[in-house]
C-alpha atoms as a PDB file:
ATOM      1  CA  UNK A   1      29.593  31.638 -20.918  1.00  0.00           C
ATOM      2  CA  UNK A   2      29.632  30.922 -17.187  1.00  0.00           C
ATOM      3  CA  UNK A   3      32.590  32.012 -15.117  1.00  0.00           C
ATOM      4  CA  UNK A   4      34.724  28.912 -14.311  1.00  0.00           C
ATOM      5  CA  UNK A   5      34.789  29.847 -10.615  1.00  0.00           C
ATOM      6  CA  UNK A   6      30.975  30.031 -10.491  1.00  0.00           C
ATOM      7  CA  UNK A   7      30.721  26.692 -12.266  1.00  0.00           C
ATOM      8  CA  UNK A   8      33.027  25.187  -9.645  1.00  0.00           C
ATOM      9  CA  UNK A   9      30.957  26.641  -6.779  1.00  0.00           C
ATOM     10  CA  UNK A  10      27.750  25.288  -8.356  1.00  0.00           C
ATOM     11  CA  UNK A  11      29.386  21.870  -8.731  1.00  0.00           C
ATOM     12  CA  UNK A  12      30.514  21.935  -5.101  1.00  0.00           C
ATOM     13  CA  UNK A  13      27.022  22.881  -3.937  1.00  0.00           C
ATOM     14  CA  UNK A  14      25.492  20.060  -5.975  1.00  0.00           C
ATOM     15  CA  UNK A  15      28.032  17.622  -4.505  1.00  0.00           C
ATOM     16  CA  UNK A  16      27.278  18.873  -0.991  1.00  0.00           C
ATOM     17  CA  UNK A  17      23.560  18.333  -1.572  1.00  0.00           C
ATOM     18  CA  UNK A  18      24.049  14.763  -2.764  1.00  0.00           C
ATOM     19  CA  UNK A  19      27.202  13.804  -0.835  1.00  0.00           C
ATOM     20  CA  UNK A  20      25.552  12.263   2.208  1.00  0.00           C
ATOM     21  CA  UNK A  21      21.911  11.433   1.648  1.00  0.00           C
ATOM     22  CA  UNK A  22      19.778  11.015   4.750  1.00  0.00           C
ATOM     23  CA  UNK A  23      19.577   7.291   5.644  1.00  0.00           C
ATOM     24  CA  UNK A  24      15.872   6.446   5.945  1.00  0.00           C
ATOM     25  CA  UNK A  25      14.379   3.040   6.737  1.00  0.00           C
ATOM     26  CA  UNK A  26      10.762   2.350   5.800  1.00  0.00           C
ATOM     27  CA  UNK A  27       8.755  -0.640   6.953  1.00  0.00           C
ATOM     28  CA  UNK A  28       7.518  -1.750   3.511  1.00  0.00           C
ATOM     29  CA  UNK A  29       7.971  -1.082  -0.202  1.00  0.00           C
ATOM     30  CA  UNK A  30       4.962   1.204  -0.868  1.00  0.00           C
ATOM     31  CA  UNK A  31       5.973   3.573   1.928  1.00  0.00           C
ATOM     32  CA  UNK A  32       9.571   3.325   0.662  1.00  0.00           C
ATOM     33  CA  UNK A  33       8.466   4.591  -2.746  1.00  0.00           C
ATOM     34  CA  UNK A  34       6.477   7.513  -1.278  1.00  0.00           C
ATOM     35  CA  UNK A  35       9.568   8.515   0.745  1.00  0.00           C
ATOM     36  CA  UNK A  36      11.703   8.249  -2.406  1.00  0.00           C
ATOM     37  CA  UNK A  37       9.301  10.394  -4.472  1.00  0.00           C
ATOM     38  CA  UNK A  38       9.438  13.157  -1.855  1.00  0.00           C
ATOM     39  CA  UNK A  39      13.017  12.700  -0.665  1.00  0.00           C
ATOM     40  CA  UNK A  40      14.608  12.498  -4.108  1.00  0.00           C
ATOM     41  CA  UNK A  41      18.405  12.729  -4.042  1.00  0.00           C
ATOM     42  CA  UNK A  42      18.537  13.919  -0.438  1.00  0.00           C
ATOM     43  CA  UNK A  43      17.558  10.508   0.936  1.00  0.00           C
ATOM     44  CA  UNK A  44      18.726   6.923   0.755  1.00  0.00           C
ATOM     45  CA  UNK A  45      15.840   4.508   1.353  1.00  0.00           C
ATOM     46  CA  UNK A  46      15.916   0.943   2.622  1.00  0.00           C
ATOM     47  CA  UNK A  47      12.663  -0.980   3.121  1.00  0.00           C
ATOM     48  CA  UNK A  48      12.459  -3.831   5.617  1.00  0.00           C
ATOM     49  CA  UNK A  49       9.779  -5.663   3.611  1.00  0.00           C
ATOM     50  CA  UNK A  50      10.629  -5.528  -0.075  1.00  0.00           C
ATOM     51  CA  UNK A  51       8.674  -5.737  -3.335  1.00  0.00           C
ATOM     52  CA  UNK A  52       6.391  -8.789  -3.694  1.00  0.00           C
ATOM     53  CA  UNK A  53       6.784  -9.563   0.028  1.00  0.00           C
ATOM     54  CA  UNK A  54       3.931  -9.863   2.502  1.00  0.00           C
ATOM     55  CA  UNK A  55       4.164  -7.395   5.410  1.00  0.00           C
ATOM     56  CA  UNK A  56       1.559  -9.394   7.357  1.00  0.00           C
ATOM     57  CA  UNK A  57       3.692 -12.544   7.330  1.00  0.00           C
ATOM     58  CA  UNK A  58       7.069 -10.852   7.735  1.00  0.00           C
ATOM     59  CA  UNK A  59       9.437 -11.652  10.604  1.00  0.00           C
ATOM     60  CA  UNK A  60      12.345  -9.422  11.501  1.00  0.00           C
ATOM     61  CA  UNK A  61      15.980 -10.396  11.050  1.00  0.00           C
ATOM     62  CA  UNK A  62      19.078  -9.220  12.914  1.00  0.00           C
ATOM     63  CA  UNK A  63      20.000  -7.365   9.706  1.00  0.00           C
ATOM     64  CA  UNK A  64      16.788  -5.341  10.006  1.00  0.00           C
ATOM     65  CA  UNK A  65      17.715  -4.243  13.525  1.00  0.00           C
ATOM     66  CA  UNK A  66      21.101  -3.045  12.199  1.00  0.00           C
ATOM     67  CA  UNK A  67      19.354  -1.135   9.372  1.00  0.00           C
ATOM     68  CA  UNK A  68      17.028   0.563  11.853  1.00  0.00           C
ATOM     69  CA  UNK A  69      19.857   1.515  14.204  1.00  0.00           C
ATOM     70  CA  UNK A  70      21.967   3.039  11.444  1.00  0.00           C
ATOM     71  CA  UNK A  71      19.078   5.166  10.110  1.00  0.00           C
ATOM     72  CA  UNK A  72      18.428   8.808  10.912  1.00  0.00           C
ATOM     73  CA  UNK A  73      14.690   8.331  10.402  1.00  0.00           C
ATOM     74  CA  UNK A  74      12.344   5.342  10.396  1.00  0.00           C
ATOM     75  CA  UNK A  75       8.967   5.579   8.671  1.00  0.00           C
ATOM     76  CA  UNK A  76       6.216   3.127   9.518  1.00  0.00           C
ATOM     77  CA  UNK A  77       2.663   2.851   8.225  1.00  0.00           C
ATOM     78  CA  UNK A  78       0.993   2.457  11.621  1.00  0.00           C
ATOM     79  CA  UNK A  79      -2.584   1.228  12.298  1.00  0.00           C
ATOM     80  CA  UNK A  80      -1.170  -2.171  13.214  1.00  0.00           C
ATOM     81  CA  UNK A  81       0.312  -3.016   9.797  1.00  0.00           C
ATOM     82  CA  UNK A  82       3.753  -3.626  11.271  1.00  0.00           C
ATOM     83  CA  UNK A  83       4.152  -6.688  13.482  1.00  0.00           C
ATOM     84  CA  UNK A  84       4.872  -6.164  17.185  1.00  0.00           C
ATOM     85  CA  UNK A  85       8.562  -7.104  16.777  1.00  0.00           C
ATOM     86  CA  UNK A  86       9.109  -4.328  14.187  1.00  0.00           C
ATOM     87  CA  UNK A  87       7.298  -1.764  16.360  1.00  0.00           C
ATOM     88  CA  UNK A  88       9.379  -2.808  19.361  1.00  0.00           C
ATOM     89  CA  UNK A  89      12.689  -2.666  17.466  1.00  0.00           C
ATOM     90  CA  UNK A  90      11.883   0.839  16.182  1.00  0.00           C
ATOM     91  CA  UNK A  91      11.006   2.157  19.649  1.00  0.00           C
ATOM     92  CA  UNK A  92      14.023   0.527  21.305  1.00  0.00           C
ATOM     93  CA  UNK A  93      16.434   1.879  18.661  1.00  0.00           C
ATOM     94  CA  UNK A  94      15.924   5.486  19.905  1.00  0.00           C
ATOM     95  CA  UNK A  95      15.993   6.561  16.210  1.00  0.00           C
ATOM     96  CA  UNK A  96      13.389   9.203  15.272  1.00  0.00           C
ATOM     97  CA  UNK A  97      10.341   7.609  13.712  1.00  0.00           C
ATOM     98  CA  UNK A  98       7.045   8.762  12.246  1.00  0.00           C
ATOM     99  CA  UNK A  99       3.761   7.119  11.277  1.00  0.00           C
ATOM    100  CA  UNK A 100       2.590   7.848   7.735  1.00  0.00           C
ATOM    101  CA  UNK A 101      -1.079   7.359   8.692  1.00  0.00           C
ATOM    102  CA  UNK A 102      -1.014   9.958  11.499  1.00  0.00           C
ATOM    103  CA  UNK A 103      -4.249  11.989  11.547  1.00  0.00           C
ATOM    104  CA  UNK A 104      -5.914   9.904   8.807  1.00  0.00           C
ATOM    105  CA  UNK A 105      -9.332   8.594   9.847  1.00  0.00           C
ATOM    106  CA  UNK A 106      -9.049   4.835   9.407  1.00  0.00           C
ATOM    107  CA  UNK A 107     -11.730   2.292   8.570  1.00  0.00           C
ATOM    108  CA  UNK A 108     -12.520  -0.220  11.271  1.00  0.00           C
ATOM    109  CA  UNK A 109     -11.119  -3.644  10.416  1.00  0.00           C
ATOM    110  CA  UNK A 110     -14.599  -5.159  10.266  1.00  0.00           C
ATOM    111  CA  UNK A 111     -16.248  -2.110   8.674  1.00  0.00           C
ATOM    112  CA  UNK A 112     -18.107  -2.704   5.430  1.00  0.00           C
ATOM    113  CA  UNK A 113     -16.220   0.067   3.647  1.00  0.00           C
ATOM    114  CA  UNK A 114     -16.789  -1.511   0.271  1.00  0.00           C
ATOM    115  CA  UNK A 115     -16.074  -5.150   0.928  1.00  0.00           C
ATOM    116  CA  UNK A 116     -18.723  -7.658   1.731  1.00  0.00           C
ATOM    117  CA  UNK A 117     -18.984 -10.993   3.442  1.00  0.00           C
ATOM    118  CA  UNK A 118     -22.037 -13.182   3.104  1.00  0.00           C
ATOM    119  CA  UNK A 119     -24.182 -13.114   6.208  1.00  0.00           C
ATOM    120  CA  UNK A 120     -24.708 -16.853   6.279  1.00  0.00           C
ATOM    121  CA  UNK A 121     -21.206 -17.587   7.471  1.00  0.00           C
ATOM    122  CA  UNK A 122     -19.365 -17.071  10.724  1.00  0.00           C
ATOM    123  CA  UNK A 123     -16.328 -14.894  11.249  1.00  0.00           C
ATOM    124  CA  UNK A 124     -13.819 -17.523  12.312  1.00  0.00           C
ATOM    125  CA  UNK A 125     -11.259 -16.326   9.773  1.00  0.00           C
ATOM    126  CA  UNK A 126     -11.377 -12.761  10.944  1.00  0.00           C
ATOM    127  CA  UNK A 127      -9.265 -12.966  14.073  1.00  0.00           C
ATOM    128  CA  UNK A 128      -6.258 -11.209  12.587  1.00  0.00           C
ATOM    129  CA  UNK A 129      -3.459  -9.430  14.413  1.00  0.00           C
ATOM    130  CA  UNK A 130      -4.237  -5.927  13.223  1.00  0.00           C
ATOM    131  CA  UNK A 131      -6.602  -5.051  15.990  1.00  0.00           C
ATOM    132  CA  UNK A 132      -9.263  -2.457  15.510  1.00  0.00           C
ATOM    133  CA  UNK A 133      -8.273  -0.690  12.298  1.00  0.00           C
ATOM    134  CA  UNK A 134      -7.680  -1.528   8.651  1.00  0.00           C
ATOM    135  CA  UNK A 135      -4.127  -0.357   7.826  1.00  0.00           C
ATOM    136  CA  UNK A 136      -4.418  -0.473   3.985  1.00  0.00           C
ATOM    137  CA  UNK A 137      -4.796   3.324   3.636  1.00  0.00           C
ATOM    138  CA  UNK A 138      -2.688   3.414   0.443  1.00  0.00           C
ATOM    139  CA  UNK A 139      -5.591   1.938  -1.520  1.00  0.00           C
ATOM    140  CA  UNK A 140      -7.211   5.390  -1.477  1.00  0.00           C
ATOM    141  CA  UNK A 141      -5.170   7.986  -3.441  1.00  0.00           C
ATOM    142  CA  UNK A 142      -7.122  10.827  -1.784  1.00  0.00           C
ATOM    143  CA  UNK A 143      -5.923   9.739   1.674  1.00  0.00           C
ATOM    144  CA  UNK A 144      -2.436   9.296   0.212  1.00  0.00           C
ATOM    145  CA  UNK A 145      -2.133  13.069  -0.069  1.00  0.00           C
ATOM    146  CA  UNK A 146      -2.155  13.315   3.753  1.00  0.00           C
ATOM    147  CA  UNK A 147       0.072  10.214   3.970  1.00  0.00           C
ATOM    148  CA  UNK A 148       2.640  11.907   1.698  1.00  0.00           C
ATOM    149  CA  UNK A 149       2.343  15.122   3.742  1.00  0.00           C
ATOM    150  CA  UNK A 150       3.240  13.154   6.912  1.00  0.00           C
ATOM    151  CA  UNK A 151       6.272  11.662   5.144  1.00  0.00           C
ATOM    152  CA  UNK A 152       7.396  15.128   3.989  1.00  0.00           C
ATOM    153  CA  UNK A 153       7.020  16.561   7.504  1.00  0.00           C
ATOM    154  CA  UNK A 154       9.103  13.736   8.968  1.00  0.00           C
ATOM    155  CA  UNK A 155      11.840  14.305   6.348  1.00  0.00           C
ATOM    156  CA  UNK A 156      11.851  18.060   7.029  1.00  0.00           C
ATOM    157  CA  UNK A 157      12.164  17.436  10.773  1.00  0.00           C
ATOM    158  CA  UNK A 158      15.100  15.041  10.193  1.00  0.00           C
ATOM    159  CA  UNK A 159      16.744  17.270   7.541  1.00  0.00           C
ATOM    160  CA  UNK A 160      15.601  20.910   7.990  1.00  0.00           C
ATOM    161  CA  UNK A 161      18.006  22.172   5.302  1.00  0.00           C
ATOM    162  CA  UNK A 162      16.034  20.238   2.702  1.00  0.00           C
ATOM    163  CA  UNK A 163      12.713  21.874   3.610  1.00  0.00           C
ATOM    164  CA  UNK A 164      12.134  23.773   0.335  1.00  0.00           C
ATOM    165  CA  UNK A 165      13.287  20.781  -1.715  1.00  0.00           C
ATOM    166  CA  UNK A 166      10.936  18.393   0.107  1.00  0.00           C
ATOM    167  CA  UNK A 167       7.985  20.791  -0.033  1.00  0.00           C
ATOM    168  CA  UNK A 168       8.424  21.279  -3.756  1.00  0.00           C
ATOM    169  CA  UNK A 169       8.574  17.536  -4.407  1.00  0.00           C
ATOM    170  CA  UNK A 170       5.579  16.966  -2.111  1.00  0.00           C
ATOM    171  CA  UNK A 171       3.556  19.511  -4.125  1.00  0.00           C
ATOM    172  CA  UNK A 172       4.443  17.739  -7.393  1.00  0.00           C
ATOM    173  CA  UNK A 173       3.607  14.352  -5.908  1.00  0.00           C
ATOM    174  CA  UNK A 174       0.259  15.515  -4.547  1.00  0.00           C
ATOM    175  CA  UNK A 175      -0.644  16.751  -8.054  1.00  0.00           C
ATOM    176  CA  UNK A 176       0.130  13.253  -9.396  1.00  0.00           C
ATOM    177  CA  UNK A 177      -2.060  11.706  -6.667  1.00  0.00           C
ATOM    178  CA  UNK A 178      -4.908  14.046  -7.591  1.00  0.00           C
ATOM    179  CA  UNK A 179      -4.636  12.936 -11.234  1.00  0.00           C
ATOM    180  CA  UNK A 180      -4.505   9.301 -10.126  1.00  0.00           C
ATOM    181  CA  UNK A 181      -7.758   9.762  -8.197  1.00  0.00           C
ATOM    182  CA  UNK A 182      -9.573  11.454 -11.101  1.00  0.00           C
ATOM    183  CA  UNK A 183      -8.391   8.725 -13.501  1.00  0.00           C
ATOM    184  CA  UNK A 184      -9.564   6.010 -11.089  1.00  0.00           C
ATOM    185  CA  UNK A 185     -12.925   7.730 -10.713  1.00  0.00           C
ATOM    186  CA  UNK A 186     -13.371   7.957 -14.491  1.00  0.00           C
ATOM    187  CA  UNK A 187     -12.395   4.287 -15.012  1.00  0.00           C
ATOM    188  CA  UNK A 188     -14.748   2.930 -12.329  1.00  0.00           C
ATOM    189  CA  UNK A 189     -17.625   5.270 -13.177  1.00  0.00           C
ATOM    190  CA  UNK A 190     -17.547   3.769 -16.669  1.00  0.00           C
ATOM    191  CA  UNK A 191     -18.511   0.404 -15.110  1.00  0.00           C
ATOM    192  CA  UNK A 192     -22.194  -0.125 -14.187  1.00  0.00           C
ATOM    193  CA  UNK A 193     -22.579  -0.085 -10.371  1.00  0.00           C
ATOM    194  CA  UNK A 194     -23.981  -3.635 -10.318  1.00  0.00           C
ATOM    195  CA  UNK A 195     -20.796  -4.942 -11.970  1.00  0.00           C
ATOM    196  CA  UNK A 196     -18.376  -3.243  -9.574  1.00  0.00           C
ATOM    197  CA  UNK A 197     -17.552  -6.447  -7.702  1.00  0.00           C
ATOM    198  CA  UNK A 198     -14.125  -7.995  -7.281  1.00  0.00           C
ATOM    199  CA  UNK A 199     -12.813 -11.126  -5.570  1.00  0.00           C
ATOM    200  CA  UNK A 200      -9.295 -10.859  -4.077  1.00  0.00           C
ATOM    201  CA  UNK A 201      -7.246 -13.113  -1.812  1.00  0.00           C
ATOM    202  CA  UNK A 202      -7.325 -11.012   1.362  1.00  0.00           C
ATOM    203  CA  UNK A 203      -9.284  -7.986   2.434  1.00  0.00           C
ATOM    204  CA  UNK A 204      -6.818  -5.267   1.387  1.00  0.00           C
ATOM    205  CA  UNK A 205      -9.040  -3.033  -0.744  1.00  0.00           C
ATOM    206  CA  UNK A 206     -11.732  -1.631   1.585  1.00  0.00           C
ATOM    207  CA  UNK A 207     -10.453   1.943   1.234  1.00  0.00           C
ATOM    208  CA  UNK A 208     -10.636   1.638  -2.544  1.00  0.00           C
ATOM    209  CA  UNK A 209     -14.092   0.089  -2.190  1.00  0.00           C
ATOM    210  CA  UNK A 210     -15.342   2.967  -0.088  1.00  0.00           C
ATOM    211  CA  UNK A 211     -13.859   5.662  -2.360  1.00  0.00           C
ATOM    212  CA  UNK A 212     -15.047   4.223  -5.693  1.00  0.00           C
ATOM    213  CA  UNK A 213     -18.131   2.227  -4.615  1.00  0.00           C
ATOM    214  CA  UNK A 214     -16.675  -1.188  -5.391  1.00  0.00           C
ATOM    215  CA  UNK A 215     -17.667  -4.334  -3.515  1.00  0.00           C
ATOM    216  CA  UNK A 216     -14.677  -6.509  -2.636  1.00  0.00           C
ATOM    217  CA  UNK A 217     -15.118 -10.121  -1.625  1.00  0.00           C
ATOM    218  CA  UNK A 218     -12.185 -11.826   0.107  1.00  0.00           C
ATOM    219  CA  UNK A 219     -11.838 -15.267   1.686  1.00  0.00           C
ATOM    220  CA  UNK A 220      -9.302 -13.884   4.156  1.00  0.00           C
ATOM    221  CA  UNK A 221      -9.617 -10.987   6.554  1.00  0.00           C
ATOM    222  CA  UNK A 222      -7.575  -7.791   6.739  1.00  0.00           C
ATOM    223  CA  UNK A 223      -4.476  -9.849   7.535  1.00  0.00           C
ATOM    224  CA  UNK A 224      -3.355 -12.343   4.908  1.00  0.00           C
ATOM    225  CA  UNK A 225      -2.424 -14.586   7.861  1.00  0.00           C
ATOM    226  CA  UNK A 226      -6.099 -15.164   8.764  1.00  0.00           C
ATOM    227  CA  UNK A 227      -7.319 -18.523   7.529  1.00  0.00           C
ATOM    228  CA  UNK A 228     -10.917 -18.700   6.257  1.00  0.00           C
ATOM    229  CA  UNK A 229     -13.187 -21.556   7.282  1.00  0.00           C
ATOM    230  CA  UNK A 230     -14.662 -24.025   4.778  1.00  0.00           C
ATOM    231  CA  UNK A 231     -18.030 -22.431   5.498  1.00  0.00           C
ATOM    232  CA  UNK A 232     -16.749 -18.966   4.483  1.00  0.00           C
ATOM    233  CA  UNK A 233     -15.217 -20.278   1.254  1.00  0.00           C
ATOM    234  CA  UNK A 234     -18.463 -22.103   0.392  1.00  0.00           C
ATOM    235  CA  UNK A 235     -20.423 -18.877   1.002  1.00  0.00           C
ATOM    236  CA  UNK A 236     -18.109 -16.946  -1.348  1.00  0.00           C
ATOM    237  CA  UNK A 237     -18.460 -19.615  -4.056  1.00  0.00           C
ATOM    238  CA  UNK A 238     -22.253 -19.335  -3.799  1.00  0.00           C
ATOM    239  CA  UNK A 239     -22.072 -15.533  -3.977  1.00  0.00           C
ATOM    240  CA  UNK A 240     -19.887 -15.543  -7.106  1.00  0.00           C
ATOM    241  CA  UNK A 241     -22.257 -17.922  -8.869  1.00  0.00           C
ATOM    242  CA  UNK A 242     -25.366 -16.057  -7.723  1.00  0.00           C
ATOM    243  CA  UNK A 243     -24.118 -12.573  -8.640  1.00  0.00           C
ATOM    244  CA  UNK A 244     -22.146 -13.541 -11.744  1.00  0.00           C
ATOM    245  CA  UNK A 245     -18.900 -11.974 -10.523  1.00  0.00           C
ATOM    246  CA  UNK A 246     -16.245 -12.070 -13.251  1.00  0.00           C
ATOM    247  CA  UNK A 247     -13.390 -10.017 -11.714  1.00  0.00           C
ATOM    248  CA  UNK A 248     -11.399 -12.640  -9.796  1.00  0.00           C
ATOM    249  CA  UNK A 249      -7.802 -11.815  -8.893  1.00  0.00           C
ATOM    250  CA  UNK A 250      -4.772 -13.281  -7.171  1.00  0.00           C
ATOM    251  CA  UNK A 251      -2.324 -10.979  -5.344  1.00  0.00           C
ATOM    252  CA  UNK A 252       1.408 -10.513  -5.814  1.00  0.00           C
ATOM    253  CA  UNK A 253       2.113 -11.160  -2.111  1.00  0.00           C
ATOM    254  CA  UNK A 254       0.032 -14.275  -1.670  1.00  0.00           C
ATOM    255  CA  UNK A 255      -0.146 -17.961  -2.339  1.00  0.00           C
ATOM    256  CA  UNK A 256      -2.727 -18.167  -5.142  1.00  0.00           C
ATOM    257  CA  UNK A 257      -4.177 -21.592  -4.254  1.00  0.00           C
ATOM    258  CA  UNK A 258      -7.276 -20.322  -2.422  1.00  0.00           C
ATOM    259  CA  UNK A 259      -8.330 -17.978  -5.260  1.00  0.00           C
ATOM    260  CA  UNK A 260      -7.469 -20.611  -7.886  1.00  0.00           C
ATOM    261  CA  UNK A 261      -9.704 -23.097  -6.069  1.00  0.00           C
ATOM    262  CA  UNK A 262     -12.618 -20.644  -5.847  1.00  0.00           C
ATOM    263  CA  UNK A 263     -12.213 -19.772  -9.549  1.00  0.00           C
ATOM    264  CA  UNK A 264     -12.186 -23.454 -10.499  1.00  0.00           C
ATOM    265  CA  UNK A 265     -15.281 -24.256  -8.438  1.00  0.00           C
ATOM    266  CA  UNK A 266     -17.220 -21.313  -9.886  1.00  0.00           C
ATOM    267  CA  UNK A 267     -16.045 -21.818 -13.470  1.00  0.00           C
ATOM    268  CA  UNK A 268     -14.695 -18.235 -13.595  1.00  0.00           C
ATOM    269  CA  UNK A 269     -11.248 -17.547 -15.045  1.00  0.00           C
ATOM    270  CA  UNK A 270      -8.717 -15.717 -12.867  1.00  0.00           C
ATOM    271  CA  UNK A 271      -8.521 -12.221 -14.394  1.00  0.00           C
ATOM    272  CA  UNK A 272      -4.910 -11.597 -13.397  1.00  0.00           C
ATOM    273  CA  UNK A 273      -2.861 -10.307 -10.490  1.00  0.00           C
ATOM    274  CA  UNK A 274      -3.353  -7.266  -8.258  1.00  0.00           C
ATOM    275  CA  UNK A 275      -0.729  -5.490  -6.197  1.00  0.00           C
ATOM    276  CA  UNK A 276      -2.213  -5.196  -2.727  1.00  0.00           C
ATOM    277  CA  UNK A 277       0.409  -4.617  -0.007  1.00  0.00           C
ATOM    278  CA  UNK A 278       3.666  -4.455  -1.931  1.00  0.00           C
ATOM    279  CA  UNK A 279       5.189  -3.075  -5.101  1.00  0.00           C
ATOM    280  CA  UNK A 280       6.202  -5.462  -7.862  1.00  0.00           C
ATOM    281  CA  UNK A 281       8.184  -5.309 -11.083  1.00  0.00           C
ATOM    282  CA  UNK A 282       7.718  -2.455 -13.583  1.00  0.00           C
ATOM    283  CA  UNK A 283       5.269  -0.854 -14.150  1.00  0.00           C
ATOM    284  CA  UNK A 284       4.217  -1.702 -10.579  1.00  0.00           C
ATOM    285  CA  UNK A 285       7.594  -0.670  -9.118  1.00  0.00           C
ATOM    286  CA  UNK A 286       6.180   2.655  -7.892  1.00  0.00           C
ATOM    287  CA  UNK A 287       3.006   3.303  -5.902  1.00  0.00           C
ATOM    288  CA  UNK A 288       1.395   5.260  -8.750  1.00  0.00           C
ATOM    289  CA  UNK A 289       2.409   2.619 -11.331  1.00  0.00           C
ATOM    290  CA  UNK A 290       1.046  -0.141  -9.101  1.00  0.00           C
ATOM    291  CA  UNK A 291      -2.254   1.650  -8.551  1.00  0.00           C
ATOM    292  CA  UNK A 292      -2.694   2.379 -12.264  1.00  0.00           C
ATOM    293  CA  UNK A 293      -2.130  -1.317 -13.001  1.00  0.00           C
ATOM    294  CA  UNK A 294      -4.827  -2.244 -10.447  1.00  0.00           C
ATOM    295  CA  UNK A 295      -7.337   0.313 -11.831  1.00  0.00           C
ATOM    296  CA  UNK A 296      -6.897  -0.960 -15.400  1.00  0.00           C
ATOM    297  CA  UNK A 297      -6.982  -4.657 -14.458  1.00  0.00           C
ATOM    298  CA  UNK A 298     -10.082  -4.318 -12.266  1.00  0.00           C
ATOM    299  CA  UNK A 299     -12.123  -2.013 -14.501  1.00  0.00           C
ATOM    300  CA  UNK A 300     -11.479  -4.223 -17.569  1.00  0.00           C
ATOM    301  CA  UNK A 301     -12.345  -7.449 -15.695  1.00  0.00           C
ATOM    302  CA  UNK A 302     -15.562  -5.973 -14.240  1.00  0.00           C
ATOM    303  CA  UNK A 303     -16.884  -5.177 -17.717  1.00  0.00           C
ATOM    304  CA  UNK A 304     -16.683  -8.799 -18.921  1.00  0.00           C
END
């Protein structure tokens, strides 16, 4: 039996560890979950752009500025994902901030990393606000190991006493990411290469395309704000018919009308919904849960 005094000390230590969690603000829900997985009970996370919300189309509120100013650490994705007003508010707040994509080699926004646009159309719809790079790094679980490492380092810098705790949780999380990658590889390798083609609403999956050799077709560019031309949509409809693409998906953050129209005109049924830039409801309420949902939905639809 434990000594009552020791039990009391242990209880006090536990209370001290959880009494005042570090207030952390993250720019969007996926990054919020990564910070939560690593920060555990030592952090309290608030995301500016919540589940099922579109980061590309998000505009800041005065409440967001208050959240940022009352945080001890702000985590942003970087690579142009966050709109200029969010970047400005973070810098002006004088609160410590870190970019989760630091040191990760990004794809160029127009790079054919695994998505494809027919060559008989122009690129009118591709003038998005992101600039040079594609910010959707989270769609590659291998790169997410470095992303999580950056989050852990930022937490350790803001809360040095939690170093061992954060490192331990980071190690566990990186093991889960490794498993996620091997499961994704197995699921997509089971699909013949010629059938690894998916239509989505906007071009959010290039990193996944590059990692698992999947061709993604999207009427919109890297930003869901970019409007495709009639010529681009017509080219996609022709491609779906010509190549017999069956995996056609809407996204949780987007108006589904464009994809619904393409599906109707090609006679292909919409296979379901993917989580591209935001978490959703369970089981997609964590990054790993969301990614597993996407793997299963895509690999099953491709085999049709």
